[in-house]
Amino acid sequence: FKGWVDIDAPDDPYDEKIWEELAKFLDGEHTFAGGRYGMARELTQRKLSFLEPLSLGEVCHMVQLAIQHRRLIVYHRKMLKPIQTVLCQLSPGEGAAGDAEGEDIKDMDDLCTVLFKMLGRHPQGIRLCRMKQMIKHELSRNLSEMAFQCTKLIELFNQEPLSTTFVLDTETDGKSIYVRMGRPDNFSDHVKHLLATANSTEGKQPPPST
């Protein structure tokens, strides 16, 4: 009915000017408790001029879009915070040896190569919930999904080239998600090159062509 807002709807009916103003407002040290509704209520109570035409439900919908689609805010330690604030908090001293060059995984090619190396060592697959710890322990690399503007690790595998290169399988218990390699003959030439690079640095020979 009129006036009701579906806060989980993926469509974004809000003016781009409002988003620009919200992004400007979030460019600072902000922390919001109480989830989506708590943040929406606080924004409304602040009487921000650019949000005045909107109802509390619409502001709550904007908060959800800002998390899911706009990547302006993320959950961090059970609080909602601007993503840039969280990334700044993560960068200093993250990881083991500060002088290890290229320790953080920052682009998709790098991530693909790291995953190929890990799956070369664990061909049965890697549990998604342990993937970050295993990468850090075995390769001394740090993976932060927020560096890729994602709020959850699983969202990375919806992006190219990961979505067409790796397969997510659920085990029979229905609880554990495993990351496994897809079929190499279906990979793009670029991804095949990344696989060859990963195999060479790991000392593995590519399978002989028949």
Protein backbone atom coordinates (compact mmCIF):
# COMPACT_ATOMS: atom_id res chain seq x y z
CA PHE A 1 0.00 0.00 0.00
CA LYS A 2 1.00 3.63 -0.42
CA GLY A 3 3.61 4.77 2.05
CA TRP A 4 4.97 1.28 2.71
CA VAL A 5 8.66 0.81 1.87
CA ASP A 6 10.34 -2.54 1.22
CA ILE A 7 13.75 -1.87 2.76
CA ASP A 8 15.23 -4.97 1.09
CA ALA A 9 14.16 -3.96 -2.44
CA PRO A 10 17.18 -3.74 -4.79
CA ASP A 11 15.78 -0.84 -6.85
CA ASP A 12 17.19 2.60 -6.11
CA PRO A 13 14.60 5.38 -6.64
CA TYR A 14 16.54 8.08 -4.80
CA ASP A 15 17.99 11.16 -6.45
CA GLU A 16 21.71 11.05 -7.17
CA LYS A 17 22.07 14.41 -5.39
CA ILE A 18 20.88 12.78 -2.15
CA TRP A 19 23.49 10.04 -2.54
CA GLU A 20 26.21 12.64 -3.13
CA GLU A 21 25.21 14.50 0.04
CA LEU A 22 25.09 11.26 2.04
CA ALA A 23 28.55 10.28 0.77
CA LYS A 24 29.89 13.71 1.82
CA PHE A 25 28.30 13.33 5.26
CA LEU A 26 29.85 9.87 5.68
CA ASP A 27 33.32 11.17 4.80
CA GLY A 28 34.40 11.23 8.42
CA GLU A 29 34.53 9.26 11.65
CA HIS A 30 31.00 7.91 12.09
CA THR A 31 29.78 4.85 13.97
CA PHE A 32 26.17 3.68 14.06
CA ALA A 33 24.70 1.15 16.46
CA GLY A 34 21.46 -0.79 16.11
CA GLY A 35 21.88 -2.07 12.55
CA ARG A 36 20.03 -0.60 9.58
CA TYR A 37 17.13 0.76 11.61
CA GLY A 38 19.41 2.23 14.29
CA MET A 39 21.47 4.08 11.67
CA ALA A 40 18.35 5.30 9.84
CA ARG A 41 16.82 6.57 13.06
CA GLU A 42 20.03 8.43 14.01
CA LEU A 43 20.28 10.01 10.55
CA THR A 44 16.65 11.14 10.81
CA GLN A 45 17.19 12.56 14.33
CA ARG A 46 20.13 14.62 13.05
CA LYS A 47 17.66 16.48 10.78
CA LEU A 48 20.00 16.46 7.79
CA SER A 49 18.52 18.76 5.16
CA PHE A 50 19.05 16.37 2.24
CA LEU A 51 17.11 13.61 4.05
CA GLU A 52 14.21 15.79 5.24
CA PRO A 53 11.85 14.84 2.36
CA LEU A 54 12.24 11.13 3.17
CA SER A 55 10.35 9.01 5.66
CA LEU A 56 12.13 6.84 8.23
CA GLY A 57 11.34 3.78 6.08
CA GLU A 58 12.92 5.40 3.01
CA VAL A 59 16.04 6.35 4.97
CA CYS A 60 16.23 2.75 6.21
CA HIS A 61 15.98 1.58 2.59
CA MET A 62 18.80 3.96 1.65
CA VAL A 63 20.94 2.53 4.45
CA GLN A 64 20.36 -0.98 3.07
CA LEU A 65 21.28 0.17 -0.46
CA ALA A 66 24.35 1.92 0.94
CA ILE A 67 25.46 -1.41 2.43
CA GLN A 68 24.49 -3.80 -0.34
CA HIS A 69 24.88 -1.87 -3.58
CA ARG A 70 26.58 1.49 -3.07
CA ARG A 71 29.28 0.08 -0.75
CA LEU A 72 29.32 3.27 1.31
CA ILE A 73 29.04 1.57 4.69
CA VAL A 74 29.94 -1.83 6.14
CA TYR A 75 29.44 -3.82 9.32
CA HIS A 76 32.61 -3.71 11.38
CA ARG A 77 32.70 -5.15 14.89
CA LYS A 78 28.89 -5.19 15.04
CA MET A 79 28.64 -1.50 14.15
CA LEU A 80 27.88 0.24 10.84
CA LYS A 81 30.73 2.46 9.69
CA PRO A 82 31.75 4.25 6.46
CA ILE A 83 33.81 1.79 4.40
CA GLN A 84 36.70 4.26 3.93
CA THR A 85 36.97 4.67 7.72
CA VAL A 86 37.20 0.90 8.16
CA LEU A 87 39.78 0.52 5.38
CA CYS A 88 41.91 3.24 6.99
CA GLN A 89 41.67 1.44 10.32
CA LEU A 90 42.70 -1.85 8.72
CA SER A 91 45.70 -0.63 6.76
CA PRO A 92 48.32 0.25 9.41
CA GLY A 93 50.09 -2.82 10.74
CA GLU A 94 47.71 -5.32 9.22
CA GLY A 95 49.48 -8.63 8.74
CA ALA A 96 52.71 -10.19 9.92
CA ALA A 97 55.93 -8.76 8.50
CA GLY A 98 55.63 -5.09 7.68
CA ASP A 99 58.52 -5.22 5.23
CA ALA A 100 57.08 -8.06 3.13
CA GLU A 101 56.33 -6.46 -0.22
CA GLY A 102 52.90 -7.09 -1.71
CA GLU A 103 51.56 -8.67 1.45
CA ASP A 104 48.00 -7.43 1.01
CA ILE A 105 45.95 -8.88 -1.84
CA LYS A 106 44.65 -5.82 -3.66
CA ASP A 107 43.39 -6.85 -7.09
CA MET A 108 41.51 -9.70 -8.73
CA ASP A 109 44.50 -11.03 -10.71
CA ASP A 110 46.52 -11.27 -7.51
CA LEU A 111 43.62 -12.97 -5.72
CA CYS A 112 43.12 -15.48 -8.58
CA THR A 113 46.83 -16.38 -8.48
CA VAL A 114 46.74 -16.82 -4.70
CA LEU A 115 43.64 -19.04 -4.92
CA PHE A 116 45.24 -21.15 -7.67
CA LYS A 117 48.30 -21.66 -5.43
CA MET A 118 46.11 -22.64 -2.47
CA LEU A 119 44.00 -25.05 -4.51
CA GLY A 120 47.17 -26.58 -5.94
CA ARG A 121 48.05 -27.45 -2.35
CA HIS A 122 44.48 -28.40 -1.39
CA PRO A 123 42.85 -29.87 -4.53
CA GLN A 124 39.93 -31.20 -2.50
CA GLY A 125 38.86 -27.59 -1.88
CA ILE A 126 39.16 -24.95 0.83
CA ARG A 127 36.48 -24.16 3.38
CA LEU A 128 35.32 -20.59 2.78
CA CYS A 129 35.19 -19.85 6.51
CA ARG A 130 38.90 -20.78 6.85
CA MET A 131 40.17 -19.42 3.55
CA LYS A 132 41.57 -16.12 4.88
CA GLN A 133 43.39 -17.82 7.76
CA MET A 134 44.87 -20.48 5.46
CA ILE A 135 46.08 -17.89 2.93
CA LYS A 136 47.73 -15.91 5.71
CA HIS A 137 49.30 -18.99 7.32
CA GLU A 138 50.56 -20.70 4.14
CA LEU A 139 51.37 -17.78 1.83
CA SER A 140 51.82 -14.88 4.29
CA ARG A 141 49.25 -12.84 2.37
CA ASN A 142 46.31 -10.87 3.75
CA LEU A 143 42.87 -10.95 2.16
CA SER A 144 40.34 -8.29 3.12
CA GLU A 145 37.02 -8.43 1.27
CA MET A 146 36.55 -4.74 2.08
CA ALA A 147 39.54 -3.92 -0.13
CA PHE A 148 37.33 -5.15 -2.98
CA GLN A 149 34.34 -3.08 -1.76
CA CYS A 150 32.57 -6.22 -0.49
CA THR A 151 30.97 -6.68 2.92
CA LYS A 152 31.18 -10.50 2.91
CA LEU A 153 33.81 -12.90 1.60
CA ILE A 154 31.22 -14.84 -0.42
CA GLU A 155 30.38 -11.67 -2.41
CA LEU A 156 33.86 -11.80 -3.97
CA PHE A 157 32.85 -14.95 -5.83
CA ASN A 158 29.97 -13.13 -7.53
CA GLN A 159 32.51 -10.92 -9.31
CA GLU A 160 34.51 -11.65 -12.45
CA PRO A 161 36.79 -13.44 -12.99
CA LEU A 162 36.16 -15.39 -9.76
CA SER A 163 32.54 -16.23 -10.64
CA THR A 164 33.56 -18.09 -13.82
CA THR A 165 36.83 -19.55 -12.48
CA PHE A 166 35.93 -21.03 -9.10
CA VAL A 167 33.01 -23.10 -7.84
CA LEU A 168 31.34 -22.84 -4.43
CA ASP A 169 30.10 -26.22 -3.20
CA THR A 170 28.05 -26.97 -0.11
CA GLU A 171 28.98 -30.17 1.68
CA THR A 172 26.42 -32.84 2.58
CA ASP A 173 25.95 -31.35 6.06
CA GLY A 174 24.68 -28.20 4.34
CA LYS A 175 26.78 -26.00 6.61
CA SER A 176 30.28 -25.81 5.14
CA ILE A 177 30.93 -23.99 1.85
CA TYR A 178 34.01 -25.09 -0.07
CA VAL A 179 35.89 -23.16 -2.76
CA ARG A 180 37.01 -25.41 -5.63
CA MET A 181 38.57 -24.81 -9.02
CA GLY A 182 36.38 -24.83 -12.11
CA ARG A 183 37.29 -26.49 -15.41
CA PRO A 184 40.55 -24.97 -16.74
CA ASP A 185 39.52 -25.55 -20.36
CA ASN A 186 36.66 -23.09 -19.77
CA PHE A 187 38.97 -20.36 -18.44
CA SER A 188 39.70 -17.23 -20.46
CA ASP A 189 43.22 -16.91 -21.90
CA HIS A 190 44.03 -14.32 -19.25
CA VAL A 191 42.97 -16.62 -16.40
CA LYS A 192 44.86 -19.54 -17.98
CA HIS A 193 47.96 -17.33 -17.89
CA LEU A 194 47.36 -16.63 -14.18
CA LEU A 195 47.03 -20.38 -13.54
CA ALA A 196 50.30 -21.06 -15.40
CA THR A 197 52.01 -18.33 -13.35
CA ALA A 198 50.70 -19.82 -10.09
CA ASN A 199 51.84 -23.32 -11.12
CA SER A 200 55.31 -22.12 -12.11
CA THR A 201 55.89 -20.25 -8.87
CA GLU A 202 54.68 -23.28 -6.93
CA GLY A 203 57.02 -25.53 -8.94
CA LYS A 204 54.14 -27.44 -10.55
CA GLN A 205 54.18 -28.47 -14.17
CA PRO A 206 51.04 -27.83 -16.24
CA PRO A 207 49.22 -31.02 -17.31
CA PRO A 208 50.57 -32.36 -20.63
CA SER A 209 48.39 -31.66 -23.64
CA THR A 210 47.00 -34.78 -25.28
